[in-house]
Protein backbone atom coordinates (compact mmCIF):
# COMPACT_ATOMS: atom_id res chain seq x y z
CA MET A 1 104.39 76.49 -0.53
CA SER A 2 103.25 77.33 2.87
CA ALA A 3 105.14 79.77 5.16
CA GLU A 4 106.12 76.78 7.47
CA GLN A 5 107.72 74.94 4.71
CA ASN A 6 109.49 78.06 3.42
CA LYS A 7 111.11 78.59 6.82
CA LYS A 8 112.97 75.30 6.50
CA LEU A 9 114.46 76.33 3.21
CA ILE A 10 117.92 77.91 3.02
CA PRO A 11 119.83 79.34 0.07
CA ARG A 12 122.13 77.02 -1.82
CA TRP A 13 125.29 78.83 -0.80
CA MET A 14 124.46 78.57 2.85
CA ALA A 15 123.72 74.86 2.51
CA LEU A 16 126.94 74.32 0.70
CA THR A 17 128.95 76.23 3.34
CA ILE A 18 127.32 74.05 6.09
CA ALA A 19 128.04 70.78 4.08
CA LEU A 20 131.65 71.85 3.20
CA THR A 21 132.32 72.53 6.95
CA PHE A 22 130.90 69.01 7.79
CA TRP A 23 132.90 67.41 4.92
CA MET A 24 136.17 69.11 5.41
CA ILE A 25 136.20 69.16 9.25
CA GLY A 26 133.73 66.62 10.57
CA ILE A 27 134.60 63.66 8.49
CA PRO A 28 138.45 63.94 8.81
CA VAL A 29 138.20 64.40 12.46
CA PHE A 30 135.78 61.64 13.11
CA TYR A 31 137.21 59.09 10.64
CA GLY A 32 140.87 60.29 10.69
CA VAL A 33 141.73 61.49 14.15
CA GLY A 34 139.15 59.27 15.82
CA PRO A 35 140.54 55.99 14.75
CA TRP A 36 144.08 57.18 15.53
CA ALA A 37 142.97 58.01 19.12
CA ILE A 38 141.08 54.78 19.51
CA SER A 39 144.16 52.83 18.23
CA LEU A 40 146.06 54.19 21.25
CA LEU A 41 143.79 52.18 23.57
CA THR A 42 145.24 48.78 22.52
CA PRO A 43 148.55 47.43 21.20
CA ARG A 44 149.23 48.07 17.58
CA TYR A 45 149.85 44.66 15.99
CA GLY A 46 152.44 44.62 13.38
CA TRP A 47 154.04 47.82 14.26
CA ILE A 48 157.84 47.76 15.00
CA ALA A 49 159.65 50.54 16.57
CA GLY A 50 156.66 52.84 16.12
CA HIS A 51 156.27 52.18 12.40
CA PRO A 52 153.70 50.00 10.62
CA ALA A 53 154.75 46.75 8.92
CA MET A 54 154.13 46.35 5.28
CA TRP A 55 150.92 44.41 5.82
CA ASN A 56 149.70 47.25 8.02
CA ARG A 57 150.31 49.62 5.16
CA LEU A 58 147.85 47.59 3.03
CA GLY A 59 145.09 49.33 5.14
CA LEU A 60 145.86 52.48 3.29
CA ILE A 61 144.33 51.03 0.18
CA PRO A 62 140.69 50.92 1.49
CA VAL A 63 141.37 54.25 3.27
CA SER A 64 142.41 55.95 -0.13
CA ILE A 65 139.58 54.35 -2.05
CA ALA A 66 137.06 55.47 0.60
CA GLY A 67 138.57 59.03 0.62
CA LEU A 68 138.20 59.34 -3.13
CA CYS A 69 134.65 58.03 -2.94
CA LEU A 70 133.63 60.45 -0.32
CA LEU A 71 135.21 63.33 -2.51
CA TRP A 72 133.14 62.00 -5.47
CA ILE A 73 130.05 61.92 -3.32
CA MET A 74 130.68 65.47 -1.98
CA ILE A 75 131.10 66.84 -5.51
CA LEU A 76 127.86 65.06 -6.74
CA HIS A 77 125.85 66.65 -3.84
CA PHE A 78 127.23 70.05 -4.45
CA ALA A 79 126.44 69.72 -8.25
CA GLN A 80 122.87 68.57 -7.66
CA ALA A 81 121.90 70.76 -4.71
CA PRO A 82 118.83 72.93 -5.70
CA GLU A 83 118.79 76.71 -5.37
CA ARG A 84 116.98 76.47 -2.02
CA VAL A 85 117.73 73.44 0.27
CA GLU A 86 115.48 72.02 2.87
CA LEU A 87 117.25 71.42 6.14
CA GLY A 88 116.49 67.92 7.70
CA ARG A 89 117.56 64.45 8.03
CA THR A 90 115.95 63.34 4.83
CA PRO A 91 117.40 64.71 1.71
CA SER A 92 115.31 66.98 -0.51
CA TYR A 93 116.70 65.26 -3.66
CA LEU A 94 117.58 61.72 -4.52
CA LEU A 95 120.94 60.96 -6.07
CA GLN A 96 120.94 57.92 -8.36
CA ARG A 97 124.23 58.47 -10.29
CA GLY A 98 127.93 58.06 -9.50
CA PRO A 99 128.54 55.77 -6.60
CA TYR A 100 124.69 55.85 -5.89
CA ALA A 101 124.30 53.66 -9.08
CA PHE A 102 126.14 50.86 -7.38
CA SER A 103 125.17 51.24 -3.80
CA ARG A 104 122.23 53.02 -2.11
CA HIS A 105 124.53 54.13 0.76
CA PRO A 106 127.96 54.74 -0.68
CA MET A 107 128.68 57.37 1.93
CA TYR A 108 128.13 54.87 4.75
CA LEU A 109 130.07 52.27 2.94
CA SER A 110 132.96 54.62 2.42
CA GLU A 111 132.90 55.46 6.13
CA LEU A 112 132.96 51.84 7.05
CA ALA A 113 135.90 51.22 4.59
CA LEU A 114 137.78 54.07 6.28
CA LEU A 115 137.37 52.40 9.81
CA PHE A 116 138.30 48.96 8.37
CA GLY A 117 141.36 50.35 6.55
CA TRP A 118 142.48 52.17 9.70
CA SER A 119 142.00 48.91 11.76
CA ILE A 120 144.39 47.20 9.44
CA PHE A 121 146.85 50.18 9.30
CA TYR A 122 146.98 50.51 13.01
CA GLY A 123 146.73 46.82 13.67
CA SER A 124 144.18 47.76 16.29
CA VAL A 125 141.55 45.59 17.73
CA ALA A 126 139.90 48.69 19.29
CA VAL A 127 139.58 50.30 15.82
CA LEU A 128 138.25 46.96 14.48
CA ILE A 129 135.63 46.86 17.25
CA ALA A 130 134.68 50.48 16.32
CA PHE A 131 134.25 49.31 12.69
CA LEU A 132 131.97 46.40 13.75
CA VAL A 133 129.89 48.64 16.08
CA ALA A 134 129.53 51.20 13.31
CA GLY A 135 128.63 48.50 10.75
CA GLY A 136 125.93 46.99 13.05
CA PHE A 137 124.62 50.54 13.79
CA PHE A 138 124.41 51.44 10.16
CA ASN A 139 122.98 48.28 8.98
CA PHE A 140 120.40 47.51 11.67
CA ILE A 141 119.45 50.91 13.00
CA HIS A 142 120.36 53.96 10.93
CA VAL A 143 119.96 52.73 7.33
CA PRO A 144 116.55 51.06 7.76
CA ARG A 145 115.22 54.22 9.33
CA GLU A 146 116.71 56.38 6.66
CA GLU A 147 115.26 54.10 3.89
CA ARG A 148 111.77 54.24 5.45
CA ALA A 149 112.08 58.06 5.39
CA LEU A 150 113.30 58.07 1.81
CA GLU A 151 110.44 55.82 0.74
CA ALA A 152 107.98 58.16 2.49
CA ARG A 153 109.34 61.02 0.79
CA PHE A 154 110.05 59.88 -2.71
CA GLY A 155 107.57 56.99 -3.01
CA GLY A 156 107.65 54.93 -6.21
CA THR A 157 110.72 56.60 -7.37
CA TYR A 158 112.67 55.51 -4.31
CA ARG A 159 111.12 51.99 -4.55
CA ALA A 160 112.19 51.50 -8.12
CA TYR A 161 115.70 52.68 -7.11
CA LYS A 162 115.78 50.39 -4.19
CA ASN A 163 114.75 47.42 -6.42
CA ARG A 164 117.53 48.27 -8.93
CA VAL A 165 120.46 49.15 -6.59
CA PRO A 166 121.69 47.02 -3.69
CA ARG A 167 121.86 48.48 -0.17
CA TRP A 168 125.57 47.94 0.17
CA PHE A 169 127.21 46.19 -2.85
């Protein structure tokens, strides 16, 4: 391994600390506080006297399932992380088990499920618009770019995985 490649590698404990900070602070703020704040921009349909109606509470089902899936993904990543982790946009290892056996992008799918669930819970058109924008961004911009990078990095292994597992469902 060249000195340049070695500089990009960090110890596993440091990578896990960075990841844990992102998972425990970044995701809850972005996908928890964010939708709440966005929901304040428009009327909350179904809410009466500051409380959600029963149908609004159905939004907590996708929120709960998505939260559990994100927790499962976090545990899998922590378990599979190598002793030295390369920092970068493209992962240095390819997960193919757990939720990754059913969807190539379960993390993005879970994040979209969070936004969709919050849009129902808050009865908010603004959060629904955020869900649609995020879905468009993931589907047409971010995921295709990430898949090209994964294919370049993992080659035939990723192509076989791509042929076996659907992008979303």
